[in-house]
C-alpha atoms as a PDB file:
ATOM      1  CA  MET A   1      60.532 223.892  77.279  1.00  0.00           C
ATOM      2  CA  GLY A   2      59.102 220.658  78.726  1.00  0.00           C
ATOM      3  CA  GLN A   3      56.426 218.459  77.318  1.00  0.00           C
ATOM      4  CA  THR A   4      52.816 218.842  78.290  1.00  0.00           C
ATOM      5  CA  SER A   5      51.237 216.050  80.299  1.00  0.00           C
ATOM      6  CA  THR A   6      49.311 214.969  77.188  1.00  0.00           C
ATOM      7  CA  GLU A   7      52.560 214.658  75.234  1.00  0.00           C
ATOM      8  CA  ARG A   8      54.170 212.670  78.061  1.00  0.00           C
ATOM      9  CA  LEU A   9      51.149 210.372  78.188  1.00  0.00           C
ATOM     10  CA  ARG A  10      51.249 209.876  74.416  1.00  0.00           C
ATOM     11  CA  ASP A  11      54.977 209.038  74.613  1.00  0.00           C
ATOM     12  CA  TYR A  12      54.409 206.607  77.491  1.00  0.00           C
ATOM     13  CA  LEU A  13      51.549 204.834  75.722  1.00  0.00           C
ATOM     14  CA  ALA A  14      53.625 204.571  72.534  1.00  0.00           C
ATOM     15  CA  GLN A  15      56.312 202.693  74.487  1.00  0.00           C
ATOM     16  CA  LEU A  16      53.891 200.002  75.647  1.00  0.00           C
ATOM     17  CA  PRO A  17      53.898 196.737  73.697  1.00  0.00           C
ATOM     18  CA  PRO A  18      51.034 196.560  71.168  1.00  0.00           C
ATOM     19  CA  LYS A  19      49.201 193.870  73.142  1.00  0.00           C
ATOM     20  CA  ALA A  20      49.364 195.980  76.317  1.00  0.00           C
ATOM     21  CA  GLN A  21      48.056 198.992  74.392  1.00  0.00           C
ATOM     22  CA  ALA A  22      45.201 196.930  72.986  1.00  0.00           C
ATOM     23  CA  LEU A  23      44.292 195.572  76.414  1.00  0.00           C
ATOM     24  CA  LEU A  24      44.339 199.039  77.937  1.00  0.00           C
ATOM     25  CA  MET A  25      42.170 200.490  75.192  1.00  0.00           C
ATOM     26  CA  ARG A  26      39.672 197.612  75.433  1.00  0.00           C
ATOM     27  CA  GLU A  27      39.373 198.055  79.191  1.00  0.00           C
ATOM     28  CA  PHE A  28      38.709 201.770  78.721  1.00  0.00           C
ATOM     29  CA  GLU A  29      36.097 200.985  76.079  1.00  0.00           C
ATOM     30  CA  ARG A  30      34.438 198.501  78.439  1.00  0.00           C
ATOM     31  CA  ALA A  31      34.366 201.083  81.228  1.00  0.00           C
ATOM     32  CA  ILE A  32      32.597 203.489  78.888  1.00  0.00           C
ATOM     33  CA  GLU A  33      30.134 200.791  77.814  1.00  0.00           C
ATOM     34  CA  ARG A  34      29.339 200.022  81.469  1.00  0.00           C
ATOM     35  CA  GLY A  35      28.732 203.709  82.139  1.00  0.00           C
ATOM     36  CA  GLU A  36      31.495 203.954  84.714  1.00  0.00           C
ATOM     37  CA  ASP A  37      33.380 207.164  85.424  1.00  0.00           C
ATOM     38  CA  THR A  38      34.772 207.776  81.964  1.00  0.00           C
ATOM     39  CA  VAL A  39      36.778 210.979  82.293  1.00  0.00           C
ATOM     40  CA  VAL A  40      40.161 209.224  82.213  1.00  0.00           C
ATOM     41  CA  ALA A  41      39.087 206.633  79.650  1.00  0.00           C
ATOM     42  CA  THR A  42      37.741 209.282  77.298  1.00  0.00           C
ATOM     43  CA  PHE A  43      40.888 211.372  77.701  1.00  0.00           C
ATOM     44  CA  VAL A  44      43.258 208.467  77.006  1.00  0.00           C
ATOM     45  CA  LEU A  45      41.225 207.246  74.044  1.00  0.00           C
ATOM     46  CA  GLY A  46      41.350 210.794  72.696  1.00  0.00           C
ATOM     47  CA  VAL A  47      45.157 210.776  72.815  1.00  0.00           C
ATOM     48  CA  TYR A  48      45.376 208.001  70.228  1.00  0.00           C
ATOM     49  CA  PRO A  49      44.834 208.854  66.558  1.00  0.00           C
ATOM     50  CA  GLN A  50      41.963 206.872  64.999  1.00  0.00           C
ATOM     51  CA  PRO A  51      44.146 204.646  62.762  1.00  0.00           C
ATOM     52  CA  ILE A  52      46.043 203.438  65.833  1.00  0.00           C
ATOM     53  CA  LEU A  53      42.788 202.781  67.681  1.00  0.00           C
ATOM     54  CA  ASN A  54      41.544 200.727  64.726  1.00  0.00           C
ATOM     55  CA  ALA A  55      44.742 198.663  64.680  1.00  0.00           C
ATOM     56  CA  LEU A  56      44.544 198.119  68.446  1.00  0.00           C
ATOM     57  CA  ASP A  57      40.914 197.028  68.150  1.00  0.00           C
ATOM     58  CA  GLN A  58      41.879 194.456  65.536  1.00  0.00           C
ATOM     59  CA  LEU A  59      44.730 193.182  67.702  1.00  0.00           C
ATOM     60  CA  ALA A  60      42.440 192.906  70.716  1.00  0.00           C
ATOM     61  CA  ALA A  61      39.849 191.013  68.671  1.00  0.00           C
ATOM     62  CA  ARG A  62      42.459 188.511  67.523  1.00  0.00           C
ATOM     63  CA  ALA A  63      43.706 188.065  71.087  1.00  0.00           C
ATOM     64  CA  THR A  64      40.146 187.422  72.290  1.00  0.00           C
ATOM     65  CA  ILE A  65      39.589 184.838  69.575  1.00  0.00           C
ATOM     66  CA  SER A  66      42.886 183.106  70.387  1.00  0.00           C
ATOM     67  CA  ALA A  67      42.114 183.055  74.109  1.00  0.00           C
ATOM     68  CA  SER A  68      38.707 181.475  73.525  1.00  0.00           C
ATOM     69  CA  ARG A  69      40.156 178.509  71.627  1.00  0.00           C
END
């Protein structure tokens, strides 16, 4: 039996480098904050377990700090 689309998405996202994952998550979070169409963003954010989201947030914060220097 094949994977569901959610499982395929989870596998694809897991293959992305951590910095790419962090950037993607931050862009989805920004879209939600701006009140844009959030169906996809909410779905993708829901695919990640919370500990991974926390780690990605920390990585994104460090990248933002480094870029501002």
